[in-house]
Amino acid sequence: MEKILSRLGMILAAITLTFLYMMPANAQDATAESTAGAAGSAAVTVSEQLATDGKVTIDHISMPQDGWLVINAVVNGQIGPTVGFAKVAAGDADGTKVDVDTAGATPQLIAVLHEDTGVAGAYEYDMDPSKDTALSSADPNGSGVFRFTAISAWNQQVSNEGLMIGSVVSDQPTFVSVRADNSGQPGDVLGSTAVPAGTTAGITVPMTSGTDASNVWVTLHTDAGTPGTFEFDGQSGADMPIMLNDKAAQAQIQLADQPVMMTALGKPIDGSSQPMLQVGGANVGSDASKGTLMLNQVTAPVNGWAEVHADSMGHPGKGLGMTQVMQGDNQNVTVDLDAKLMPAAPPDTIPATVWAMLHIDDNQMGVYEYGMIPGADAPIVYNGMVVTVPVTVGTGAEATAEATP
């Protein structure tokens, strides 16, 4: 727990440093505004978003001072965890791009402008709401919300099970297809699978052919015909690709002859071993906000972090605790959990399910900066999947869960 609670303190001490559809139907564009005292007003305008590259584009920002543009999930009508943030300068800006954690994002997101009143260059609100406070509206039932649809896929070697899709975010049931490349455009369907509404992380699409191709297209489709039956043929109009502003929800990925490892932001990782998380069990003590998770073994391809996230409707949510792991095999690693570590977002008690996840340590070594320094300590992706595993929280360590993508 000392390592967890000292996270903010380490950032402060080491800051010689300079990723991370349920909007009202009649409101595809949303503008959040508030008055920031004598400094002027802060406003952010953002329209419905379709992301195939892990980014959202903010239409317009008016910022009275240097600060942060923060993207939060909206969960059950409440502001949820931060899923993206970027440093922004005072003044007006159009087309600002923000990396978004699509495994934690939800079909409704909210963009909020924040001050940078603590340590310059470190986003601290989630850990300490008295710092970097909001300048624009943070009301999930008011302005600033926008509809979000996304498909996230990474380069990989196709396994016997099929092609791995990192995550899908949609407010309606969809299909994911894998299609052959036809002179730079999507061609014949090689495989497909149904995906429920909401956020779904870790999807396998069985493929009947095409595993020897050098690249394929991953496409997100509507389920507009017979529910649960994929009827796309490119001609009848059934189950067509999801579109927004003439952009299709599809991305081209490269297929390799060996497993591919990178961060969730696409940074290559040259590791010596296949990452693995083997979880012995997670428990809650007499204080429902605190607990522990035992990792029987963590195989880290590089020095990194084992973080535990709260479950948020079937996918990873806010962080509950983390511990450092070294390159290679780490045995019997304990992670202390604290639901109040990040008080700015629910839950404030340990949920029934948590997610163990492996992150890289790639900025200030030995200081966990994911969610505080843009781009730092991102999750590790192995062969198309984030290295993560859900764990049922109980009073003992009877079950073993293992993530070996």
Protein backbone atom coordinates (compact mmCIF):
# COMPACT_ATOMS: atom_id res chain seq x y z
CA MET A 1 0.00 0.00 0.00
CA GLU A 2 2.91 2.34 0.63
CA LYS A 3 3.92 2.10 -3.03
CA ILE A 4 0.33 2.87 -4.09
CA LEU A 5 -0.22 5.80 -1.78
CA SER A 6 3.16 7.32 -2.62
CA ARG A 7 2.33 7.56 -6.33
CA LEU A 8 1.43 11.23 -6.22
CA GLY A 9 4.33 12.00 -3.92
CA MET A 10 6.79 10.39 -6.33
CA ILE A 11 5.40 12.44 -9.18
CA LEU A 12 5.83 15.65 -7.18
CA ALA A 13 9.38 14.77 -6.21
CA ALA A 14 10.41 13.70 -9.69
CA ILE A 15 8.74 16.38 -11.80
CA THR A 16 11.79 17.41 -13.71
CA LEU A 17 9.79 15.64 -16.45
CA THR A 18 8.02 17.58 -18.68
CA PHE A 19 -2.96 7.96 -22.89
CA LEU A 20 -3.77 8.12 -22.33
CA TYR A 21 -23.74 5.85 -28.49
CA MET A 22 -25.94 7.20 -25.27
CA MET A 23 -26.01 10.90 -25.90
CA PRO A 24 -29.46 12.44 -26.18
CA ALA A 25 -30.71 11.70 -29.70
CA ASN A 26 -31.41 15.35 -30.42
CA ALA A 27 -27.95 16.53 -29.37
CA GLN A 28 -25.15 15.25 -31.55
CA ASP A 29 -23.06 18.33 -30.83
CA ALA A 30 -22.44 19.47 -27.27
CA THR A 31 -20.80 22.57 -25.90
CA ALA A 32 -19.63 22.84 -22.30
CA GLU A 33 -19.11 26.33 -20.92
CA SER A 34 -18.44 27.92 -17.57
CA THR A 35 -16.96 31.11 -16.19
CA ALA A 36 -13.41 30.94 -14.86
CA GLY A 37 -13.38 34.12 -12.82
CA ALA A 38 -11.30 37.02 -14.04
CA ALA A 39 -9.38 34.74 -16.36
CA GLY A 40 -12.33 34.53 -18.75
CA SER A 41 -14.45 31.60 -19.89
CA ALA A 42 -13.58 28.05 -20.79
CA ALA A 43 -15.53 26.21 -23.49
CA VAL A 44 -15.18 22.95 -25.35
CA THR A 45 -17.23 21.86 -28.36
CA VAL A 46 -17.20 18.24 -29.41
CA SER A 47 -19.39 16.32 -31.85
CA GLU A 48 -20.24 12.65 -32.16
CA GLN A 49 -17.07 10.59 -32.59
CA LEU A 50 -16.14 7.44 -34.50
CA ALA A 51 -12.67 6.25 -33.56
CA THR A 52 -10.65 3.66 -35.45
CA ASP A 53 -7.22 4.84 -34.32
CA GLY A 54 -7.74 5.27 -30.57
CA LYS A 55 -8.22 9.03 -30.81
CA VAL A 56 -11.02 11.55 -30.54
CA THR A 57 -10.95 14.93 -32.24
CA ILE A 58 -12.23 17.96 -30.31
CA ASP A 59 -13.93 20.49 -32.58
CA HIS A 60 -13.02 23.62 -30.62
CA ILE A 61 -11.44 24.66 -27.34
CA SER A 62 -11.44 28.09 -25.71
CA MET A 63 -9.04 28.02 -22.79
CA PRO A 64 -8.36 31.00 -20.49
CA GLN A 65 -5.11 29.48 -19.21
CA ASP A 66 -2.81 26.54 -19.77
CA GLY A 67 -4.44 23.36 -18.54
CA TRP A 68 -5.89 20.00 -19.46
CA LEU A 69 -8.49 18.62 -21.82
CA VAL A 70 -9.86 15.52 -20.09
CA ILE A 71 -12.13 12.80 -21.50
CA ASN A 72 -14.18 10.87 -18.93
CA ALA A 73 -16.37 7.82 -19.31
CA VAL A 74 -20.02 8.23 -18.33
CA VAL A 75 -21.18 5.19 -16.35
CA ASN A 76 -24.79 4.84 -15.17
CA GLY A 77 -25.30 8.58 -15.46
CA GLN A 78 -22.23 9.41 -13.40
CA ILE A 79 -18.82 10.77 -14.31
CA GLY A 80 -16.58 7.73 -14.57
CA PRO A 81 -12.84 7.31 -14.81
CA THR A 82 -10.56 9.34 -17.03
CA VAL A 83 -10.04 7.59 -20.37
CA GLY A 84 -7.96 10.26 -22.11
CA PHE A 85 -6.27 13.59 -21.46
CA ALA A 86 -4.04 16.08 -23.22
CA LYS A 87 -2.17 19.20 -22.29
CA VAL A 88 -3.70 22.35 -23.85
CA ALA A 89 -2.43 25.90 -24.02
CA ALA A 90 -4.33 29.10 -23.31
CA GLY A 91 -6.31 30.43 -26.25
CA ASP A 92 -8.48 28.94 -28.98
CA ALA A 93 -7.73 25.67 -30.76
CA ASP A 94 -9.53 23.54 -33.34
CA GLY A 95 -9.08 19.85 -34.08
CA THR A 96 -7.24 18.85 -30.90
CA LYS A 97 -6.65 15.09 -30.85
CA VAL A 98 -6.70 13.06 -27.64
CA ASP A 99 -5.62 9.45 -27.17
CA VAL A 100 -8.45 7.46 -25.59
CA ASP A 101 -8.31 4.17 -23.71
CA THR A 102 -10.92 2.34 -25.80
CA ALA A 103 -11.02 -0.63 -23.40
CA GLY A 104 -12.21 1.73 -20.65
CA ALA A 105 -14.27 4.14 -22.75
CA THR A 106 -18.07 4.01 -22.86
CA PRO A 107 -20.66 4.82 -25.58
CA GLN A 108 -21.15 8.18 -23.89
CA LEU A 109 -18.13 10.30 -23.01
CA ILE A 110 -17.72 13.82 -21.69
CA ALA A 111 -15.02 16.37 -22.47
CA VAL A 112 -14.03 18.65 -19.60
CA LEU A 113 -11.41 21.40 -19.39
CA HIS A 114 -9.30 21.48 -16.24
CA GLU A 115 -6.78 23.84 -14.70
CA ASP A 116 -3.15 22.86 -14.20
CA THR A 117 -2.76 24.22 -10.69
CA GLY A 118 -0.61 21.55 -9.08
CA VAL A 119 2.63 20.37 -10.59
CA ALA A 120 2.88 21.70 -14.13
CA GLY A 121 2.64 18.89 -16.68
CA ALA A 122 1.12 16.30 -14.33
CA TYR A 123 -2.65 15.70 -14.31
CA GLU A 124 -3.51 15.33 -10.63
CA TYR A 125 -7.28 15.75 -10.30
CA ASP A 126 -8.09 12.03 -10.26
CA MET A 127 -5.74 11.48 -7.31
CA ASP A 128 -6.45 14.79 -5.57
CA PRO A 129 -9.64 16.65 -6.63
CA SER A 130 -8.39 19.81 -4.92
CA LYS A 131 -5.86 20.16 -7.76
CA ASP A 132 -6.39 20.66 -11.49
CA THR A 133 -10.09 21.36 -10.93
CA ALA A 134 -12.64 21.59 -13.75
CA LEU A 135 -13.13 24.85 -15.66
CA SER A 136 -15.99 23.63 -17.88
CA SER A 137 -19.12 21.65 -17.07
CA ALA A 138 -18.63 18.16 -15.63
CA ASP A 139 -22.36 17.34 -15.56
CA PRO A 140 -22.96 14.01 -17.36
CA ASN A 141 -26.62 14.95 -17.78
CA GLY A 142 -25.87 18.36 -19.21
CA SER A 143 -23.51 19.77 -21.81
CA GLY A 144 -20.15 18.40 -22.85
CA VAL A 145 -21.27 14.83 -23.49
CA PHE A 146 -20.86 13.16 -26.85
CA ARG A 147 -21.70 9.85 -28.48
CA PHE A 148 -18.71 7.55 -28.98
CA THR A 149 -18.27 4.51 -31.19
CA ALA A 150 -14.90 2.80 -31.57
CA ILE A 151 -13.11 -0.26 -32.80
CA SER A 152 -9.57 -0.94 -31.69
CA ALA A 153 -7.28 -3.51 -33.33
CA TRP A 154 -3.52 -3.96 -33.41
CA ASN A 155 -1.05 -5.69 -35.74
CA GLN A 156 -0.63 -9.35 -34.84
CA GLN A 157 0.03 -12.94 -35.79
CA VAL A 158 -3.28 -14.75 -36.31
CA SER A 159 -3.73 -17.54 -33.77
CA ASN A 160 -5.58 -20.83 -34.21
CA GLU A 161 -8.59 -19.21 -32.52
CA GLY A 162 -8.71 -16.35 -35.01
CA LEU A 163 -7.95 -12.64 -35.11
CA MET A 164 -7.98 -10.66 -31.88
CA ILE A 165 -9.88 -7.36 -31.56
CA GLY A 166 -8.78 -5.17 -28.66
CA SER A 167 -12.15 -3.56 -27.97
CA VAL A 168 -15.45 -2.35 -29.42
CA VAL A 169 -17.51 0.54 -28.04
CA SER A 170 -21.07 1.06 -29.30
CA ASP A 171 -24.49 1.89 -27.87
CA GLN A 172 -26.11 -0.76 -30.08
CA PRO A 173 -25.44 -4.43 -30.92
CA THR A 174 -22.90 -4.74 -33.72
CA PHE A 175 -20.86 -7.22 -35.71
CA VAL A 176 -17.11 -7.20 -36.21
CA SER A 177 -15.84 -8.61 -39.47
CA VAL A 178 -12.37 -9.40 -40.77
CA ARG A 179 -12.11 -8.75 -44.50
CA ALA A 180 -9.44 -9.44 -47.07
CA ASP A 181 -7.55 -6.56 -48.61
CA ASN A 182 -8.58 -5.80 -52.19
CA SER A 183 -6.13 -3.30 -53.67
CA GLY A 184 -6.19 -1.15 -50.56
CA GLN A 185 -9.91 -1.53 -49.87
CA PRO A 186 -11.90 -4.05 -47.80
CA GLY A 187 -12.84 -7.13 -49.79
CA ASP A 188 -14.27 -10.57 -49.04
CA VAL A 189 -15.37 -11.41 -45.50
CA LEU A 190 -12.98 -13.88 -43.84
CA GLY A 191 -14.79 -14.08 -40.51
CA SER A 192 -17.25 -12.27 -38.25
CA THR A 193 -18.69 -12.29 -34.74
CA ALA A 194 -21.54 -10.55 -32.91
CA VAL A 195 -20.75 -7.95 -30.23
CA PRO A 196 -23.29 -6.71 -27.64
CA ALA A 197 -24.03 -3.04 -26.96
CA GLY A 198 -21.67 -1.32 -24.54
CA THR A 199 -17.92 -1.74 -24.19
CA THR A 200 -16.47 -5.14 -24.99
CA ALA A 201 -12.77 -5.77 -24.48
CA GLY A 202 -10.97 -8.79 -25.91
CA ILE A 203 -12.89 -10.20 -28.88
CA THR A 204 -11.87 -13.16 -31.04
CA VAL A 205 -13.07 -13.33 -34.65
CA PRO A 206 -12.79 -16.89 -36.04
CA MET A 207 -11.33 -16.92 -39.54
CA THR A 208 -12.02 -19.58 -42.14
CA SER A 209 -9.29 -18.35 -44.51
CA GLY A 210 -6.88 -15.50 -45.11
CA THR A 211 -4.42 -16.25 -42.32
CA ASP A 212 -1.59 -16.15 -44.85
CA ALA A 213 -2.45 -12.58 -45.91
CA SER A 214 -0.11 -9.71 -45.17
CA ASN A 215 -2.90 -7.36 -44.11
CA VAL A 216 -6.65 -7.42 -43.46
CA TRP A 217 -9.43 -4.97 -42.69
CA VAL A 218 -11.33 -4.98 -39.39
CA THR A 219 -14.83 -3.49 -39.80
CA LEU A 220 -17.63 -2.64 -37.38
CA HIS A 221 -21.13 -3.28 -38.79
CA THR A 222 -24.70 -2.51 -37.76
CA ASP A 223 -27.03 -5.36 -36.81
CA ALA A 224 -29.88 -4.05 -38.93
CA GLY A 225 -31.44 -7.22 -40.27
CA THR A 226 -32.22 -10.43 -38.38
CA PRO A 227 -30.85 -9.79 -34.87
CA GLY A 228 -27.70 -11.80 -34.21
CA THR A 229 -27.34 -12.99 -37.82
CA PHE A 230 -24.58 -11.46 -39.94
CA GLU A 231 -26.14 -10.74 -43.34
CA PHE A 232 -23.63 -8.35 -44.92
CA ASP A 233 -22.90 -9.09 -48.56
CA GLY A 234 -21.96 -5.61 -49.76
CA GLN A 235 -24.95 -5.42 -52.08
CA SER A 236 -28.25 -5.94 -50.26
CA GLY A 237 -27.71 -3.16 -47.74
CA ALA A 238 -27.95 -5.49 -44.74
CA ASP A 239 -25.60 -5.04 -41.79
CA MET A 240 -23.55 -2.37 -43.53
CA PRO A 241 -20.41 -0.83 -41.98
CA ILE A 242 -21.12 1.88 -39.42
CA MET A 243 -20.51 5.31 -40.94
CA LEU A 244 -20.07 8.85 -39.63
CA ASN A 245 -19.38 11.84 -41.86
CA ASP A 246 -18.49 9.52 -44.76
CA LYS A 247 -15.99 7.68 -42.57
CA ALA A 248 -16.43 3.93 -42.08
CA ALA A 249 -15.69 2.18 -38.81
CA GLN A 250 -12.84 0.13 -40.20
CA ALA A 251 -9.09 -0.12 -39.88
CA GLN A 252 -6.38 -1.96 -41.76
CA ILE A 253 -3.93 -4.02 -39.71
CA GLN A 254 -0.79 -5.92 -40.62
CA LEU A 255 -0.46 -9.67 -40.09
CA ALA A 256 2.93 -10.98 -39.00
CA ASP A 257 4.63 -14.37 -38.98
CA GLN A 258 5.37 -14.07 -35.26
CA PRO A 259 3.61 -12.51 -32.26
CA VAL A 260 3.67 -8.70 -32.10
CA MET A 261 4.17 -6.75 -28.86
CA MET A 262 3.61 -3.02 -28.31
CA THR A 263 2.00 -0.56 -25.95
CA ALA A 264 -1.67 0.36 -26.36
CA LEU A 265 -0.45 3.58 -27.98
CA GLY A 266 1.45 1.66 -30.65
CA LYS A 267 5.00 1.94 -29.30
CA PRO A 268 6.93 -1.25 -30.21
CA ILE A 269 8.23 -3.36 -27.33
CA ASP A 270 11.32 -5.46 -27.89
CA GLY A 271 10.85 -7.94 -25.07
CA SER A 272 12.54 -11.23 -24.41
CA SER A 273 9.52 -13.22 -23.23
CA GLN A 274 5.76 -13.61 -23.67
CA PRO A 275 3.91 -11.60 -21.01
CA MET A 276 1.73 -13.46 -18.53
CA LEU A 277 -0.42 -12.71 -15.50
CA GLN A 278 -1.35 -15.62 -13.24
CA VAL A 279 -3.69 -14.45 -10.48
CA GLY A 280 -4.18 -16.43 -7.30
CA GLY A 281 -7.11 -14.44 -5.90
CA ALA A 282 -8.41 -11.08 -4.73
CA ASN A 283 -9.86 -10.34 -1.31
CA VAL A 284 -11.60 -7.53 0.56
CA GLY A 285 -10.94 -6.85 4.22
CA SER A 286 -13.25 -5.51 6.92
CA ASP A 287 -12.98 -2.10 5.27
CA ALA A 288 -14.86 -2.56 1.97
CA SER A 289 -12.71 0.09 0.31
CA LYS A 290 -9.50 -1.89 0.77
CA GLY A 291 -8.26 -5.30 -0.28
CA THR A 292 -5.41 -7.25 -1.86
CA LEU A 293 -4.75 -9.15 -5.04
CA MET A 294 -2.17 -11.92 -5.23
CA LEU A 295 -0.33 -12.47 -8.49
CA ASN A 296 1.20 -15.94 -8.36
CA GLN A 297 3.37 -15.07 -11.33
CA VAL A 298 3.95 -12.05 -13.53
CA THR A 299 6.13 -12.54 -16.58
CA ALA A 300 7.09 -9.07 -17.76
CA PRO A 301 8.82 -8.63 -21.14
CA VAL A 302 10.34 -5.38 -19.86
CA ASN A 303 10.34 -3.54 -16.55
CA GLY A 304 6.80 -2.47 -15.85
CA TRP A 305 3.82 -2.34 -13.55
CA ALA A 306 1.02 -4.65 -12.53
CA GLU A 307 -2.07 -2.47 -12.04
CA VAL A 308 -5.48 -3.55 -10.82
CA HIS A 309 -8.57 -1.82 -12.23
CA ALA A 310 -12.13 -1.84 -10.95
CA ASP A 311 -14.65 -3.54 -13.19
CA SER A 312 -16.94 -1.09 -14.98
CA MET A 313 -19.86 -2.93 -16.60
CA GLY A 314 -17.68 -5.73 -17.92
CA HIS A 315 -14.51 -3.85 -18.80
CA PRO A 316 -11.60 -2.22 -16.92
CA GLY A 317 -12.42 0.99 -15.05
CA LYS A 318 -10.49 3.16 -12.62
CA GLY A 319 -7.25 2.11 -10.99
CA LEU A 320 -7.28 0.54 -7.53
CA GLY A 321 -3.58 -0.09 -7.00
CA MET A 322 -0.33 -1.00 -8.65
CA THR A 323 3.08 -2.46 -7.94
CA GLN A 324 6.35 -2.49 -9.84
CA VAL A 325 7.50 -5.66 -11.62
CA MET A 326 10.88 -6.37 -13.14
CA GLN A 327 11.67 -7.85 -16.54
CA GLY A 328 11.31 -11.64 -16.41
CA ASP A 329 9.44 -13.83 -13.94
CA ASN A 330 8.08 -12.22 -10.74
CA GLN A 331 6.70 -14.64 -8.16
CA ASN A 332 4.05 -14.05 -5.47
CA VAL A 333 3.45 -10.37 -6.14
CA THR A 334 0.89 -8.68 -3.86
CA VAL A 335 -1.01 -5.59 -5.00
CA ASP A 336 -2.73 -3.57 -2.29
CA LEU A 337 -6.12 -2.27 -3.41
CA ASP A 338 -7.73 1.00 -2.37
CA ALA A 339 -11.02 2.08 -3.97
CA LYS A 340 -10.39 5.61 -2.70
CA LEU A 341 -6.97 5.89 -4.34
CA MET A 342 -8.66 7.89 -7.10
CA PRO A 343 -11.56 9.60 -5.31
CA ALA A 344 -12.76 11.55 -8.35
CA ALA A 345 -14.58 8.55 -9.88
CA PRO A 346 -16.71 5.67 -8.59
CA PRO A 347 -16.64 3.10 -7.10
CA ASP A 348 -15.53 3.86 -3.54
CA THR A 349 -15.63 0.20 -2.48
CA ILE A 350 -13.86 -2.79 -4.04
CA PRO A 351 -16.22 -4.24 -6.69
CA ALA A 352 -17.04 -7.93 -7.15
CA THR A 353 -14.72 -8.12 -10.16
CA VAL A 354 -11.36 -6.47 -10.75
CA TRP A 355 -8.97 -6.54 -13.70
CA ALA A 356 -5.25 -7.21 -13.38
CA MET A 357 -3.33 -5.50 -16.19
CA LEU A 358 0.30 -5.25 -17.24
CA HIS A 359 1.79 -1.84 -18.06
CA ILE A 360 5.19 -0.78 -19.32
CA ASP A 361 7.51 1.50 -17.30
CA ASP A 362 8.81 3.83 -19.99
CA ASN A 363 9.12 7.41 -18.70
CA GLN A 364 10.41 8.22 -15.22
CA MET A 365 11.64 4.79 -14.25
CA GLY A 366 10.19 3.48 -11.01
CA VAL A 367 7.41 6.11 -10.94
CA TYR A 368 3.92 5.02 -12.04
CA GLU A 369 2.62 7.81 -14.29
CA TYR A 370 -0.24 6.28 -16.28
CA GLY A 371 -3.14 8.70 -16.11
CA MET A 372 -0.92 11.56 -14.93
CA ILE A 373 1.69 12.07 -17.67
CA PRO A 374 0.32 11.84 -21.25
CA GLY A 375 1.61 8.74 -23.02
CA ALA A 376 3.48 7.30 -20.04
CA ASP A 377 3.32 3.72 -18.71
CA ALA A 378 0.62 2.54 -21.13
CA PRO A 379 -0.83 -0.99 -21.06
CA ILE A 380 1.10 -3.72 -22.85
CA VAL A 381 -0.51 -5.30 -25.92
CA TYR A 382 0.61 -8.78 -26.95
CA ASN A 383 -0.50 -10.11 -30.31
CA GLY A 384 -3.57 -7.91 -30.55
CA MET A 385 -4.78 -8.07 -26.95
CA VAL A 386 -4.14 -5.96 -23.87
CA VAL A 387 -2.50 -8.18 -21.25
CA THR A 388 -5.30 -8.21 -18.70
CA VAL A 389 -7.51 -10.71 -16.88
CA PRO A 390 -10.73 -10.30 -14.84
CA VAL A 391 -10.67 -11.71 -11.31
CA THR A 392 -13.60 -12.43 -9.00
CA VAL A 393 -13.07 -10.87 -5.59
CA GLY A 394 -13.72 -13.15 -2.63
CA THR A 395 -12.45 -14.15 0.77
CA GLY A 396 -9.88 -16.66 -0.43
CA ALA A 397 -7.65 -17.57 -3.34
CA GLU A 398 -9.41 -20.69 -4.52
CA ALA A 399 -9.48 -19.89 -8.24
CA THR A 400 -6.61 -19.16 -10.58
CA ALA A 401 -7.02 -16.81 -13.53
CA GLU A 402 -4.39 -16.48 -16.21
CA ALA A 403 -3.83 -13.99 -19.01
CA THR A 404 -1.61 -15.45 -21.72
CA PRO A 405 -2.64 -13.73 -24.98
